[in-house]
C-alpha atoms as a PDB file:
ATOM      1  CA  MET A   1       0.000   0.000   0.000  1.00  0.00           C
ATOM      2  CA  ILE A   2       1.133   3.498  -0.838  1.00  0.00           C
ATOM      3  CA  GLU A   3      -0.152   5.949   1.777  1.00  0.00           C
ATOM      4  CA  GLU A   4      -0.295   9.746   2.001  1.00  0.00           C
ATOM      5  CA  THR A   5      -1.959  12.213   4.342  1.00  0.00           C
ATOM      6  CA  GLY A   6      -3.784  15.383   3.446  1.00  0.00           C
ATOM      7  CA  THR A   7      -6.756  17.651   4.030  1.00  0.00           C
ATOM      8  CA  ILE A   8     -10.069  17.409   2.206  1.00  0.00           C
ATOM      9  CA  VAL A   9     -10.722  20.616   0.264  1.00  0.00           C
ATOM     10  CA  GLU A  10     -13.730  19.560  -1.833  1.00  0.00           C
ATOM     11  CA  ILE A  11     -16.409  16.891  -1.966  1.00  0.00           C
ATOM     12  CA  LYS A  12     -17.483  15.738  -5.438  1.00  0.00           C
ATOM     13  CA  GLY A  13     -20.701  13.778  -5.571  1.00  0.00           C
ATOM     14  CA  LYS A  14     -21.450  11.368  -2.768  1.00  0.00           C
ATOM     15  CA  GLN A  15     -18.224   9.420  -2.448  1.00  0.00           C
ATOM     16  CA  ILE A  16     -15.383  11.351  -4.084  1.00  0.00           C
ATOM     17  CA  ALA A  17     -13.223  13.787  -2.149  1.00  0.00           C
ATOM     18  CA  VAL A  18     -10.454  16.077  -3.362  1.00  0.00           C
ATOM     19  CA  VAL A  19      -7.540  15.854  -0.936  1.00  0.00           C
ATOM     20  CA  LEU A  20      -4.747  18.419  -0.725  1.00  0.00           C
ATOM     21  CA  CYS A  21      -1.537  16.491   0.003  1.00  0.00           C
ATOM     22  CA  LYS A  22       1.977  17.697   0.677  1.00  0.00           C
ATOM     23  CA  LYS A  23       4.464  16.490  -1.903  1.00  0.00           C
ATOM     24  CA  SER A  24       6.512  13.746  -0.294  1.00  0.00           C
ATOM     25  CA  SER A  25       9.931  12.295  -0.961  1.00  0.00           C
ATOM     26  CA  PHE A  26       8.090   9.675  -3.021  1.00  0.00           C
ATOM     27  CA  CYS A  27       7.086  12.465  -5.437  1.00  0.00           C
ATOM     28  CA  LYS A  28      10.692  13.483  -6.064  1.00  0.00           C
ATOM     29  CA  ASN A  29      11.405  10.145  -7.751  1.00  0.00           C
ATOM     30  CA  CYS A  30       8.159   9.986  -9.729  1.00  0.00           C
ATOM     31  CA  ALA A  31       8.500  10.355 -13.495  1.00  0.00           C
ATOM     32  CA  SER A  32       5.086  12.040 -13.742  1.00  0.00           C
ATOM     33  CA  MET A  33       5.792  14.540 -10.980  1.00  0.00           C
ATOM     34  CA  GLU A  34       5.177  17.461 -13.344  1.00  0.00           C
ATOM     35  CA  ALA A  35       1.857  16.037 -14.512  1.00  0.00           C
ATOM     36  CA  CYS A  36       0.272  16.133 -11.051  1.00  0.00           C
ATOM     37  CA  GLN A  37      -2.257  18.807 -10.234  1.00  0.00           C
ATOM     38  CA  VAL A  38       0.165  20.870  -8.201  1.00  0.00           C
ATOM     39  CA  GLY A  39      -1.079  23.524  -5.805  1.00  0.00           C
ATOM     40  CA  SER A  40      -0.219  27.180  -6.244  1.00  0.00           C
ATOM     41  CA  ASP A  41       2.729  26.930  -3.838  1.00  0.00           C
ATOM     42  CA  ASN A  42       4.295  24.019  -5.799  1.00  0.00           C
ATOM     43  CA  THR A  43       4.655  21.963  -2.594  1.00  0.00           C
ATOM     44  CA  THR A  44       1.161  20.464  -2.573  1.00  0.00           C
ATOM     45  CA  ARG A  45      -0.946  18.457  -4.987  1.00  0.00           C
ATOM     46  CA  LEU A  46      -4.634  17.645  -5.389  1.00  0.00           C
ATOM     47  CA  VAL A  47      -5.692  14.002  -5.386  1.00  0.00           C
ATOM     48  CA  GLU A  48      -9.186  12.629  -5.980  1.00  0.00           C
ATOM     49  CA  ALA A  49      -9.984   9.747  -3.610  1.00  0.00           C
ATOM     50  CA  HIS A  50     -12.923   7.505  -2.708  1.00  0.00           C
ATOM     51  CA  ASN A  51     -14.633   8.764   0.429  1.00  0.00           C
ATOM     52  CA  PHE A  52     -16.487   5.674   1.616  1.00  0.00           C
ATOM     53  CA  ILE A  53     -15.967   6.563   5.297  1.00  0.00           C
ATOM     54  CA  GLY A  54     -17.799   9.901   5.053  1.00  0.00           C
ATOM     55  CA  ALA A  55     -15.024  12.398   5.749  1.00  0.00           C
ATOM     56  CA  HIS A  56     -15.892  16.102   5.403  1.00  0.00           C
ATOM     57  CA  ILE A  57     -14.214  19.237   4.068  1.00  0.00           C
ATOM     58  CA  GLY A  58     -11.389  20.256   6.396  1.00  0.00           C
ATOM     59  CA  ASP A  59     -10.799  16.759   7.803  1.00  0.00           C
ATOM     60  CA  GLU A  60      -7.225  15.545   7.830  1.00  0.00           C
ATOM     61  CA  VAL A  61      -7.218  12.067   6.287  1.00  0.00           C
ATOM     62  CA  LYS A  62      -4.962   9.217   5.269  1.00  0.00           C
ATOM     63  CA  ILE A  63      -5.350   8.033   1.673  1.00  0.00           C
ATOM     64  CA  ALA A  64      -4.002   4.792   0.249  1.00  0.00           C
ATOM     65  CA  THR A  65      -3.697   3.171  -3.129  1.00  0.00           C
ATOM     66  CA  ASN A  66      -3.067  -0.442  -3.954  1.00  0.00           C
ATOM     67  CA  THR A  67       0.506  -1.084  -5.090  1.00  0.00           C
ATOM     68  CA  ARG A  68      -0.761  -3.458  -7.779  1.00  0.00           C
ATOM     69  CA  SER A  69      -2.977  -0.761  -9.325  1.00  0.00           C
ATOM     70  CA  PHE A  70      -0.097   1.708  -9.175  1.00  0.00           C
ATOM     71  CA  LEU A  71       2.255  -0.694 -10.967  1.00  0.00           C
ATOM     72  CA  GLN A  72      -0.351  -1.617 -13.596  1.00  0.00           C
ATOM     73  CA  SER A  73      -1.044   2.015 -14.464  1.00  0.00           C
ATOM     74  CA  SER A  74       2.687   2.780 -14.516  1.00  0.00           C
ATOM     75  CA  PHE A  75       3.232  -0.086 -16.956  1.00  0.00           C
ATOM     76  CA  VAL A  76       0.513   1.173 -19.276  1.00  0.00           C
ATOM     77  CA  LEU A  77       1.662   4.799 -19.129  1.00  0.00           C
ATOM     78  CA  TYR A  78       5.397   4.252 -19.495  1.00  0.00           C
ATOM     79  CA  LEU A  79       6.256   0.857 -20.981  1.00  0.00           C
ATOM     80  CA  VAL A  80       3.479   0.404 -23.547  1.00  0.00           C
ATOM     81  CA  PRO A  81       4.517   3.551 -25.508  1.00  0.00           C
ATOM     82  CA  VAL A  82       8.148   2.399 -25.500  1.00  0.00           C
ATOM     83  CA  ILE A  83       7.092  -1.016 -26.797  1.00  0.00           C
ATOM     84  CA  PHE A  84       5.059   0.643 -29.573  1.00  0.00           C
ATOM     85  CA  LEU A  85       8.013   2.900 -30.454  1.00  0.00           C
ATOM     86  CA  ILE A  86      10.331  -0.100 -30.791  1.00  0.00           C
ATOM     87  CA  MET A  87       7.764  -2.053 -32.830  1.00  0.00           C
ATOM     88  CA  GLY A  88       7.244   0.903 -35.184  1.00  0.00           C
ATOM     89  CA  ALA A  89      10.978   1.510 -35.581  1.00  0.00           C
ATOM     90  CA  THR A  90      11.582  -2.175 -36.310  1.00  0.00           C
ATOM     91  CA  LEU A  91       8.751  -2.241 -38.841  1.00  0.00           C
ATOM     92  CA  GLY A  92      10.081   0.925 -40.509  1.00  0.00           C
ATOM     93  CA  GLN A  93      13.582  -0.522 -40.741  1.00  0.00           C
ATOM     94  CA  PHE A  94      12.221  -3.780 -42.175  1.00  0.00           C
ATOM     95  CA  LEU A  95      10.097  -1.968 -44.782  1.00  0.00           C
ATOM     96  CA  GLY A  96      12.890   0.463 -45.644  1.00  0.00           C
ATOM     97  CA  GLU A  97      15.293  -2.372 -46.395  1.00  0.00           C
ATOM     98  CA  ARG A  98      12.701  -4.184 -48.560  1.00  0.00           C
ATOM     99  CA  LEU A  99      11.695  -1.206 -50.724  1.00  0.00           C
ATOM    100  CA  GLN A 100      14.020  -0.835 -53.726  1.00  0.00           C
ATOM    101  CA  GLU A 101      13.445   2.837 -54.541  1.00  0.00           C
ATOM    102  CA  GLY A 102      12.045   3.790 -51.136  1.00  0.00           C
ATOM    103  CA  PRO A 103      13.271   6.274 -48.567  1.00  0.00           C
ATOM    104  CA  ASP A 104      16.280   5.738 -46.332  1.00  0.00           C
ATOM    105  CA  PRO A 105      15.524   2.833 -43.925  1.00  0.00           C
ATOM    106  CA  ASN A 106      16.662   4.899 -40.934  1.00  0.00           C
ATOM    107  CA  LEU A 107      14.334   7.759 -41.849  1.00  0.00           C
ATOM    108  CA  LEU A 108      11.418   5.388 -42.394  1.00  0.00           C
ATOM    109  CA  SER A 109      12.256   3.668 -39.111  1.00  0.00           C
ATOM    110  CA  ALA A 110      12.162   6.986 -37.231  1.00  0.00           C
ATOM    111  CA  LEU A 111       8.936   8.153 -38.888  1.00  0.00           C
ATOM    112  CA  ILE A 112       7.021   4.932 -38.321  1.00  0.00           C
ATOM    113  CA  GLY A 113       8.417   4.623 -34.788  1.00  0.00           C
ATOM    114  CA  VAL A 114       7.161   8.116 -33.885  1.00  0.00           C
ATOM    115  CA  ALA A 115       3.803   7.374 -35.567  1.00  0.00           C
ATOM    116  CA  PHE A 116       3.438   4.206 -33.458  1.00  0.00           C
ATOM    117  CA  LEU A 117       4.426   6.162 -30.323  1.00  0.00           C
ATOM    118  CA  VAL A 118       1.775   8.834 -30.972  1.00  0.00           C
ATOM    119  CA  GLY A 119      -0.717   6.090 -31.796  1.00  0.00           C
ATOM    120  CA  SER A 120      -0.025   4.382 -28.481  1.00  0.00           C
ATOM    121  CA  PHE A 121      -0.753   7.625 -26.597  1.00  0.00           C
ATOM    122  CA  LEU A 122      -4.052   7.981 -28.447  1.00  0.00           C
ATOM    123  CA  ILE A 123      -4.966   4.362 -27.728  1.00  0.00           C
ATOM    124  CA  ILE A 124      -4.138   4.834 -24.031  1.00  0.00           C
ATOM    125  CA  LYS A 125      -6.173   8.059 -23.874  1.00  0.00           C
ATOM    126  CA  VAL A 126      -9.231   6.512 -25.533  1.00  0.00           C
ATOM    127  CA  GLY A 127      -8.816   3.195 -23.741  1.00  0.00           C
ATOM    128  CA  SER A 128      -8.496   4.802 -20.318  1.00  0.00           C
ATOM    129  CA  ARG A 129     -11.977   6.296 -20.728  1.00  0.00           C
ATOM    130  CA  ALA A 130     -13.387   2.770 -20.928  1.00  0.00           C
ATOM    131  CA  ILE A 131     -11.788   1.800 -17.609  1.00  0.00           C
ATOM    132  CA  PRO A 132     -13.691   3.148 -14.597  1.00  0.00           C
ATOM    133  CA  SER A 133     -11.462   5.571 -12.697  1.00  0.00           C
ATOM    134  CA  GLU A 134     -12.648   3.928  -9.482  1.00  0.00           C
ATOM    135  CA  ASN A 135     -10.406   0.975 -10.292  1.00  0.00           C
ATOM    136  CA  PHE A 136      -7.258   3.077  -9.916  1.00  0.00           C
ATOM    137  CA  MET A 137      -8.397   5.885  -7.612  1.00  0.00           C
ATOM    138  CA  PRO A 138      -6.941   5.964  -4.093  1.00  0.00           C
ATOM    139  CA  ARG A 139      -9.335   5.720  -1.156  1.00  0.00           C
ATOM    140  CA  ILE A 140      -9.584   7.445   2.189  1.00  0.00           C
ATOM    141  CA  VAL A 141      -8.754   4.817   4.801  1.00  0.00           C
ATOM    142  CA  GLU A 142      -8.689   6.883   7.998  1.00  0.00           C
ATOM    143  CA  ILE A 143      -9.785  10.238   9.377  1.00  0.00           C
ATOM    144  CA  LEU A 144      -6.822  11.556  11.362  1.00  0.00           C
ATOM    145  CA  SER A 145      -8.576  14.644  12.717  1.00  0.00           C
ATOM    146  CA  GLU A 146     -12.032  15.999  12.073  1.00  0.00           C
ATOM    147  CA  ALA A 147     -12.494  19.668  11.240  1.00  0.00           C
ATOM    148  CA  ASP A 148     -15.856  19.891  13.056  1.00  0.00           C
ATOM    149  CA  ALA A 149     -14.511  18.271  16.226  1.00  0.00           C
ATOM    150  CA  LEU A 150     -11.567  20.669  16.342  1.00  0.00           C
ATOM    151  CA  SER A 151     -13.840  23.673  15.792  1.00  0.00           C
ATOM    152  CA  LYS A 152     -16.197  22.540  18.575  1.00  0.00           C
ATOM    153  CA  ASP A 153     -13.322  21.959  20.985  1.00  0.00           C
ATOM    154  CA  LEU A 154     -11.885  25.424  20.277  1.00  0.00           C
ATOM    155  CA  SER A 155     -15.248  27.139  20.645  1.00  0.00           C
ATOM    156  CA  HIS A 156     -15.923  25.449  24.021  1.00  0.00           C
ATOM    157  CA  GLY A 157     -12.460  26.311  25.337  1.00  0.00           C
ATOM    158  CA  ASN A 158     -11.258  22.688  25.568  1.00  0.00           C
END
């Protein structure tokens, strides 16, 4: 399990919460670090998470995602395009060597490789719409401190 803590800043629908998390040391090594929805101060990020336990705006929560889901999505996002690039480059090289009056095999290899790479991104984009985001979305597993309870304690002088 990969776990993070943060504060709920928005509730979407009945069971989705937007959690503002501090960027951790885990983020520094992430290849998609720049693609995260980063807060205005560049030290936080927004994460949508399942809210099955009924946390509210202002609650500090712990969110977790399954390591298996994380690795599966990483494979699709990073390795599949590389595989398509290599397949396209190999196909281009093969075709370039077989065509008598055709273009340079290296040029054809590069062009078809890039075309396959772009095609893989399009396939991933369209294909990811068919997969419910709930399958890969983290979930809130614990409420660390409730905003309402803290407000009540402060207002009663406790």
